[in-house]
Amino acid sequence: MDTPEELQKIFPMFDSKLAAFIAGISERRTFGEGEIMMKTGQYFKATMLIISGKVKLYRESDEGSEFFMYFLEGGNACALSMICATRNQASQIMAMAVEETEVLMIPIRYMDELMTQHKGWYYFVLETYRSRFEELLVVIDNIAFKNMDERLEWYLKQQTDKLGKHLNLTHQQIAHDLSSSREVISRLLKKMEKNQMVALHRNSIEVLI
């Protein structure tokens, strides 16, 4: 960031000393729409703070299929990158920029100092873990206890909360995110359209609920 004050506006939990420290050690980086920010199996040299934009996080299977978990946006941090960076472990998720996304990269060599010398960072890490854990519980509940049409409604609500009611998504992209087939998703979307829950357009969906 240009100034610690700018950083504090995006991350209110940071006190002035912490904001100044992070501003001095971090590197600003921009990812373009659709760019992969983090790969499964990747080792981290830095942890990421999201300044602006939106990021989708996916869990990948051994066979290469992917399942959408949740979004990150400005003011968030990737809890998995924090864990993997401090423990020198490979990433177990994939992250992709949904739109142009700006991040601050904090080198892992500063992680111990941040945790021991800055309470604001310590509490920020705990809050990040808590928030991501709660989102993962929602994902697990949807997989374990809901059928595909309910999961599709939940997915569309997630997307509209972050991206607005007009979604530039194809049926294949939705099937990919839900680890389903295009045929199943198309059938369920047509059912939702019949019930006036969505309006289907070429390569886009308008959510009406």
C-alpha atoms as a PDB file:
ATOM      1  CA  MET A   1       0.000   0.000   0.000  1.00  0.00           C
ATOM      2  CA  ASP A   2       1.060   3.606  -0.463  1.00  0.00           C
ATOM      3  CA  THR A   3       0.469   4.506   3.197  1.00  0.00           C
ATOM      4  CA  PRO A   4      -0.324   2.649   6.446  1.00  0.00           C
ATOM      5  CA  GLU A   5      -3.506   4.735   6.665  1.00  0.00           C
ATOM      6  CA  GLU A   6      -4.816   3.197   3.436  1.00  0.00           C
ATOM      7  CA  LEU A   7      -4.060  -0.252   4.771  1.00  0.00           C
ATOM      8  CA  GLN A   8      -5.970   0.440   7.998  1.00  0.00           C
ATOM      9  CA  LYS A   9      -9.069   1.453   6.026  1.00  0.00           C
ATOM     10  CA  ILE A  10      -9.163  -1.980   4.397  1.00  0.00           C
ATOM     11  CA  PHE A  11      -8.021  -3.922   7.487  1.00  0.00           C
ATOM     12  CA  PRO A  12      -9.479  -2.084  10.539  1.00  0.00           C
ATOM     13  CA  MET A  13      -7.992  -4.635  12.970  1.00  0.00           C
ATOM     14  CA  PHE A  14      -4.486  -3.365  12.149  1.00  0.00           C
ATOM     15  CA  ASP A  15      -3.127  -0.729  14.514  1.00  0.00           C
ATOM     16  CA  SER A  16      -0.848   1.988  13.140  1.00  0.00           C
ATOM     17  CA  LYS A  17       2.361   0.173  14.112  1.00  0.00           C
ATOM     18  CA  LEU A  18       1.261  -3.068  12.430  1.00  0.00           C
ATOM     19  CA  ALA A  19       0.015  -1.240   9.334  1.00  0.00           C
ATOM     20  CA  ALA A  20       3.310   0.601   9.000  1.00  0.00           C
ATOM     21  CA  PHE A  21       5.278  -2.638   9.393  1.00  0.00           C
ATOM     22  CA  ILE A  22       3.237  -4.481   6.739  1.00  0.00           C
ATOM     23  CA  ALA A  23       3.372  -1.521   4.364  1.00  0.00           C
ATOM     24  CA  GLY A  24       7.161  -1.600   4.640  1.00  0.00           C
ATOM     25  CA  ILE A  25       7.704  -5.328   4.033  1.00  0.00           C
ATOM     26  CA  SER A  26       4.945  -6.261   1.562  1.00  0.00           C
ATOM     27  CA  GLU A  27       4.855  -6.240  -2.220  1.00  0.00           C
ATOM     28  CA  ARG A  28       1.816  -5.171  -4.208  1.00  0.00           C
ATOM     29  CA  ARG A  29       0.734  -7.506  -7.020  1.00  0.00           C
ATOM     30  CA  THR A  30      -2.176  -7.492  -9.466  1.00  0.00           C
ATOM     31  CA  PHE A  31      -3.827 -10.586 -10.946  1.00  0.00           C
ATOM     32  CA  GLY A  32      -5.975 -10.359 -14.074  1.00  0.00           C
ATOM     33  CA  GLU A  33      -9.477 -11.792 -14.450  1.00  0.00           C
ATOM     34  CA  GLY A  34      -9.297 -15.575 -14.732  1.00  0.00           C
ATOM     35  CA  GLU A  35      -5.654 -15.739 -13.608  1.00  0.00           C
ATOM     36  CA  ILE A  36      -4.655 -18.552 -11.258  1.00  0.00           C
ATOM     37  CA  MET A  37      -3.311 -17.040  -8.040  1.00  0.00           C
ATOM     38  CA  MET A  38      -2.580 -20.242  -6.180  1.00  0.00           C
ATOM     39  CA  LYS A  39      -2.195 -23.830  -7.408  1.00  0.00           C
ATOM     40  CA  THR A  40      -2.767 -27.104  -5.602  1.00  0.00           C
ATOM     41  CA  GLY A  41       0.631 -28.475  -4.580  1.00  0.00           C
ATOM     42  CA  GLN A  42       2.292 -25.059  -4.657  1.00  0.00           C
ATOM     43  CA  TYR A  43       4.685 -24.024  -1.880  1.00  0.00           C
ATOM     44  CA  PHE A  44       4.343 -20.485  -0.598  1.00  0.00           C
ATOM     45  CA  LYS A  45       6.988 -17.806  -0.390  1.00  0.00           C
ATOM     46  CA  ALA A  46       4.416 -15.268   0.847  1.00  0.00           C
ATOM     47  CA  THR A  47       0.939 -15.014   2.291  1.00  0.00           C
ATOM     48  CA  MET A  48      -1.691 -12.859   0.565  1.00  0.00           C
ATOM     49  CA  LEU A  49      -3.878 -10.013   1.803  1.00  0.00           C
ATOM     50  CA  ILE A  50      -6.680  -9.126  -0.621  1.00  0.00           C
ATOM     51  CA  ILE A  51      -6.803  -5.373  -1.261  1.00  0.00           C
ATOM     52  CA  SER A  52      -9.477  -5.302  -3.960  1.00  0.00           C
ATOM     53  CA  GLY A  53     -11.218  -7.620  -6.392  1.00  0.00           C
ATOM     54  CA  LYS A  54     -12.713 -11.071  -5.869  1.00  0.00           C
ATOM     55  CA  VAL A  55     -11.194 -14.541  -5.712  1.00  0.00           C
ATOM     56  CA  LYS A  56     -12.780 -17.985  -5.994  1.00  0.00           C
ATOM     57  CA  LEU A  57     -11.260 -20.824  -3.988  1.00  0.00           C
ATOM     58  CA  TYR A  58     -11.552 -24.428  -5.184  1.00  0.00           C
ATOM     59  CA  ARG A  59     -10.770 -27.831  -3.738  1.00  0.00           C
ATOM     60  CA  GLU A  60      -9.265 -30.188  -6.322  1.00  0.00           C
ATOM     61  CA  SER A  61      -9.551 -33.983  -6.317  1.00  0.00           C
ATOM     62  CA  ASP A  62      -6.761 -36.389  -7.218  1.00  0.00           C
ATOM     63  CA  GLU A  63      -8.522 -36.898 -10.555  1.00  0.00           C
ATOM     64  CA  GLY A  64      -8.396 -33.177 -11.336  1.00  0.00           C
ATOM     65  CA  SER A  65     -12.061 -32.269 -10.770  1.00  0.00           C
ATOM     66  CA  GLU A  66     -12.738 -29.077  -8.810  1.00  0.00           C
ATOM     67  CA  PHE A  67     -15.347 -27.918  -6.316  1.00  0.00           C
ATOM     68  CA  PHE A  68     -16.058 -24.276  -5.509  1.00  0.00           C
ATOM     69  CA  MET A  69     -15.740 -23.474  -1.794  1.00  0.00           C
ATOM     70  CA  TYR A  70     -16.041 -19.730  -1.186  1.00  0.00           C
ATOM     71  CA  PHE A  71     -15.041 -16.206  -2.209  1.00  0.00           C
ATOM     72  CA  LEU A  72     -12.336 -13.913  -0.894  1.00  0.00           C
ATOM     73  CA  GLU A  73     -12.542 -10.144  -1.424  1.00  0.00           C
ATOM     74  CA  GLY A  74     -11.025  -6.887  -0.241  1.00  0.00           C
ATOM     75  CA  GLY A  75     -10.204  -6.981   3.480  1.00  0.00           C
ATOM     76  CA  ASN A  76      -9.873 -10.789   3.497  1.00  0.00           C
ATOM     77  CA  ALA A  77      -6.833 -13.026   3.683  1.00  0.00           C
ATOM     78  CA  CYS A  78      -6.296 -16.606   2.634  1.00  0.00           C
ATOM     79  CA  ALA A  79      -6.207 -18.715   5.805  1.00  0.00           C
ATOM     80  CA  LEU A  80      -4.745 -21.676   3.917  1.00  0.00           C
ATOM     81  CA  SER A  81      -1.830 -19.591   2.639  1.00  0.00           C
ATOM     82  CA  MET A  82      -1.156 -18.450   6.208  1.00  0.00           C
ATOM     83  CA  ILE A  83      -1.057 -22.032   7.485  1.00  0.00           C
ATOM     84  CA  CYS A  84       0.979 -23.401   4.593  1.00  0.00           C
ATOM     85  CA  ALA A  85       3.402 -20.493   4.622  1.00  0.00           C
ATOM     86  CA  THR A  86       4.216 -20.793   8.321  1.00  0.00           C
ATOM     87  CA  ARG A  87       4.490 -24.609   8.234  1.00  0.00           C
ATOM     88  CA  ASN A  88       6.191 -24.848   4.825  1.00  0.00           C
ATOM     89  CA  GLN A  89       3.414 -27.064   3.461  1.00  0.00           C
ATOM     90  CA  ALA A  90       2.058 -27.296  -0.062  1.00  0.00           C
ATOM     91  CA  SER A  91      -1.305 -25.720  -0.844  1.00  0.00           C
ATOM     92  CA  GLN A  92      -4.335 -28.004  -0.861  1.00  0.00           C
ATOM     93  CA  ILE A  93      -6.541 -25.557  -2.766  1.00  0.00           C
ATOM     94  CA  MET A  94      -6.606 -23.567  -5.988  1.00  0.00           C
ATOM     95  CA  ALA A  95      -7.452 -19.856  -6.142  1.00  0.00           C
ATOM     96  CA  MET A  96      -8.564 -17.923  -9.235  1.00  0.00           C
ATOM     97  CA  ALA A  97      -9.223 -14.193  -9.669  1.00  0.00           C
ATOM     98  CA  VAL A  98     -12.841 -13.597 -10.722  1.00  0.00           C
ATOM     99  CA  GLU A  99     -11.993 -10.014 -11.676  1.00  0.00           C
ATOM    100  CA  GLU A 100      -8.848  -7.922 -11.580  1.00  0.00           C
ATOM    101  CA  THR A 101      -7.574  -8.448  -8.048  1.00  0.00           C
ATOM    102  CA  GLU A 102      -4.903  -6.582  -6.132  1.00  0.00           C
ATOM    103  CA  VAL A 103      -3.072  -8.232  -3.239  1.00  0.00           C
ATOM    104  CA  LEU A 104      -0.264  -7.560  -0.805  1.00  0.00           C
ATOM    105  CA  MET A 105       2.331 -10.333  -0.640  1.00  0.00           C
ATOM    106  CA  ILE A 106       3.937 -10.713   2.804  1.00  0.00           C
ATOM    107  CA  PRO A 107       7.125 -12.844   2.758  1.00  0.00           C
ATOM    108  CA  ILE A 108       6.890 -15.906   5.009  1.00  0.00           C
ATOM    109  CA  ARG A 109      10.095 -14.974   6.833  1.00  0.00           C
ATOM    110  CA  TYR A 110       8.085 -12.304   8.682  1.00  0.00           C
ATOM    111  CA  MET A 111       5.315 -14.638   9.916  1.00  0.00           C
ATOM    112  CA  ASP A 112       6.868 -15.455  13.302  1.00  0.00           C
ATOM    113  CA  GLU A 113       7.650 -11.813  13.987  1.00  0.00           C
ATOM    114  CA  LEU A 114       4.129 -10.742  13.067  1.00  0.00           C
ATOM    115  CA  MET A 115       2.557 -13.354  15.352  1.00  0.00           C
ATOM    116  CA  THR A 116       4.786 -12.635  18.368  1.00  0.00           C
ATOM    117  CA  GLN A 117       5.266  -8.870  18.082  1.00  0.00           C
ATOM    118  CA  HIS A 118       1.886  -7.657  16.810  1.00  0.00           C
ATOM    119  CA  LYS A 119      -1.313  -8.578  18.664  1.00  0.00           C
ATOM    120  CA  GLY A 120      -3.370  -7.040  15.868  1.00  0.00           C
ATOM    121  CA  TRP A 121      -1.961  -9.574  13.428  1.00  0.00           C
ATOM    122  CA  TYR A 122      -2.512 -12.434  15.886  1.00  0.00           C
ATOM    123  CA  TYR A 123      -6.194 -11.531  16.272  1.00  0.00           C
ATOM    124  CA  PHE A 124      -6.551 -10.969  12.536  1.00  0.00           C
ATOM    125  CA  VAL A 125      -5.224 -14.490  11.860  1.00  0.00           C
ATOM    126  CA  LEU A 126      -7.634 -15.986  14.420  1.00  0.00           C
ATOM    127  CA  GLU A 127     -10.581 -14.120  12.902  1.00  0.00           C
ATOM    128  CA  THR A 128      -9.519 -15.237   9.410  1.00  0.00           C
ATOM    129  CA  TYR A 129      -9.396 -18.880  10.529  1.00  0.00           C
ATOM    130  CA  ARG A 130     -12.798 -18.561  12.220  1.00  0.00           C
ATOM    131  CA  SER A 131     -14.488 -16.969   9.200  1.00  0.00           C
ATOM    132  CA  ARG A 132     -13.090 -19.481   6.713  1.00  0.00           C
ATOM    133  CA  PHE A 133     -13.976 -22.400   9.028  1.00  0.00           C
ATOM    134  CA  GLU A 134     -17.595 -21.219   9.246  1.00  0.00           C
ATOM    135  CA  GLU A 135     -17.766 -20.947   5.452  1.00  0.00           C
ATOM    136  CA  LEU A 136     -16.375 -24.468   5.093  1.00  0.00           C
ATOM    137  CA  LEU A 137     -19.050 -25.769   7.497  1.00  0.00           C
ATOM    138  CA  VAL A 138     -21.723 -24.289   5.223  1.00  0.00           C
ATOM    139  CA  VAL A 139     -20.108 -26.005   2.227  1.00  0.00           C
ATOM    140  CA  ILE A 140     -20.014 -29.337   4.072  1.00  0.00           C
ATOM    141  CA  ASP A 141     -23.660 -28.977   5.145  1.00  0.00           C
ATOM    142  CA  ASN A 142     -24.697 -28.367   1.545  1.00  0.00           C
ATOM    143  CA  ILE A 143     -22.799 -31.388   0.271  1.00  0.00           C
ATOM    144  CA  ALA A 144     -23.903 -33.722   3.061  1.00  0.00           C
ATOM    145  CA  PHE A 145     -27.508 -32.714   3.670  1.00  0.00           C
ATOM    146  CA  LYS A 146     -28.905 -31.079   0.516  1.00  0.00           C
ATOM    147  CA  ASN A 147     -29.805 -32.385  -2.905  1.00  0.00           C
ATOM    148  CA  MET A 148     -28.495 -30.822  -6.091  1.00  0.00           C
ATOM    149  CA  ASP A 149     -31.369 -28.397  -6.685  1.00  0.00           C
ATOM    150  CA  GLU A 150     -30.926 -26.977  -3.169  1.00  0.00           C
ATOM    151  CA  ARG A 151     -27.172 -26.799  -3.681  1.00  0.00           C
ATOM    152  CA  LEU A 152     -27.713 -24.937  -6.954  1.00  0.00           C
ATOM    153  CA  GLU A 153     -29.941 -22.355  -5.228  1.00  0.00           C
ATOM    154  CA  TRP A 154     -27.304 -21.909  -2.513  1.00  0.00           C
ATOM    155  CA  TYR A 155     -24.585 -21.550  -5.130  1.00  0.00           C
ATOM    156  CA  LEU A 156     -26.517 -18.899  -7.068  1.00  0.00           C
ATOM    157  CA  LYS A 157     -27.138 -16.977  -3.852  1.00  0.00           C
ATOM    158  CA  GLN A 158     -23.400 -17.027  -3.116  1.00  0.00           C
ATOM    159  CA  GLN A 159     -22.649 -15.697  -6.580  1.00  0.00           C
ATOM    160  CA  THR A 160     -25.284 -12.937  -6.506  1.00  0.00           C
ATOM    161  CA  ASP A 161     -24.184 -11.790  -3.041  1.00  0.00           C
ATOM    162  CA  LYS A 162     -20.711 -11.135  -4.461  1.00  0.00           C
ATOM    163  CA  LEU A 163     -21.255 -10.475  -8.175  1.00  0.00           C
ATOM    164  CA  GLY A 164     -24.795  -9.108  -8.539  1.00  0.00           C
ATOM    165  CA  LYS A 165     -27.951 -10.669  -9.949  1.00  0.00           C
ATOM    166  CA  HIS A 166     -26.758 -10.816 -13.566  1.00  0.00           C
ATOM    167  CA  LEU A 167     -24.172 -13.598 -13.664  1.00  0.00           C
ATOM    168  CA  ASN A 168     -21.921 -14.151 -16.660  1.00  0.00           C
ATOM    169  CA  LEU A 169     -21.824 -17.892 -16.109  1.00  0.00           C
ATOM    170  CA  THR A 170     -22.452 -20.756 -18.503  1.00  0.00           C
ATOM    171  CA  HIS A 171     -24.181 -23.951 -17.477  1.00  0.00           C
ATOM    172  CA  GLN A 172     -20.849 -25.729 -17.889  1.00  0.00           C
ATOM    173  CA  GLN A 173     -19.092 -23.304 -15.529  1.00  0.00           C
ATOM    174  CA  ILE A 174     -21.752 -23.864 -12.870  1.00  0.00           C
ATOM    175  CA  ALA A 175     -21.501 -27.635 -13.321  1.00  0.00           C
ATOM    176  CA  HIS A 176     -17.724 -27.322 -12.934  1.00  0.00           C
ATOM    177  CA  ASP A 177     -18.060 -25.329  -9.709  1.00  0.00           C
ATOM    178  CA  LEU A 178     -20.557 -27.817  -8.251  1.00  0.00           C
ATOM    179  CA  SER A 179     -18.724 -30.915  -9.521  1.00  0.00           C
ATOM    180  CA  SER A 180     -21.820 -31.946 -11.466  1.00  0.00           C
ATOM    181  CA  SER A 181     -22.692 -32.416 -15.152  1.00  0.00           C
ATOM    182  CA  ARG A 182     -23.866 -29.735 -17.567  1.00  0.00           C
ATOM    183  CA  GLU A 183     -26.984 -31.779 -18.358  1.00  0.00           C
ATOM    184  CA  VAL A 184     -28.056 -31.912 -14.709  1.00  0.00           C
ATOM    185  CA  ILE A 185     -27.430 -28.191 -14.173  1.00  0.00           C
ATOM    186  CA  SER A 186     -29.262 -27.239 -17.394  1.00  0.00           C
ATOM    187  CA  ARG A 187     -32.291 -29.311 -16.357  1.00  0.00           C
ATOM    188  CA  LEU A 188     -32.400 -27.720 -12.898  1.00  0.00           C
ATOM    189  CA  LEU A 189     -31.959 -24.199 -14.279  1.00  0.00           C
ATOM    190  CA  LYS A 190     -34.833 -24.722 -16.718  1.00  0.00           C
ATOM    191  CA  LYS A 191     -36.957 -25.850 -13.779  1.00  0.00           C
ATOM    192  CA  MET A 192     -35.965 -22.710 -11.880  1.00  0.00           C
ATOM    193  CA  GLU A 193     -36.785 -20.578 -14.924  1.00  0.00           C
ATOM    194  CA  LYS A 194     -40.230 -22.186 -15.147  1.00  0.00           C
ATOM    195  CA  ASN A 195     -40.744 -21.245 -11.480  1.00  0.00           C
ATOM    196  CA  GLN A 196     -39.626 -17.664 -12.275  1.00  0.00           C
ATOM    197  CA  MET A 197     -36.551 -17.930 -10.074  1.00  0.00           C
ATOM    198  CA  VAL A 198     -34.081 -17.192 -12.884  1.00  0.00           C
ATOM    199  CA  ALA A 199     -34.055 -15.895 -16.443  1.00  0.00           C
ATOM    200  CA  LEU A 200     -31.709 -17.772 -18.753  1.00  0.00           C
ATOM    201  CA  HIS A 201     -29.733 -15.945 -21.454  1.00  0.00           C
ATOM    202  CA  ARG A 202     -26.908 -16.951 -23.726  1.00  0.00           C
ATOM    203  CA  ASN A 203     -23.851 -17.468 -21.511  1.00  0.00           C
ATOM    204  CA  SER A 204     -25.461 -15.632 -18.602  1.00  0.00           C
ATOM    205  CA  ILE A 205     -28.136 -15.993 -15.926  1.00  0.00           C
ATOM    206  CA  GLU A 206     -30.306 -13.382 -14.273  1.00  0.00           C
ATOM    207  CA  VAL A 207     -31.312 -14.371 -10.755  1.00  0.00           C
ATOM    208  CA  LEU A 208     -34.825 -13.189  -9.899  1.00  0.00           C
ATOM    209  CA  ILE A 209     -35.097 -14.347  -6.293  1.00  0.00           C
END
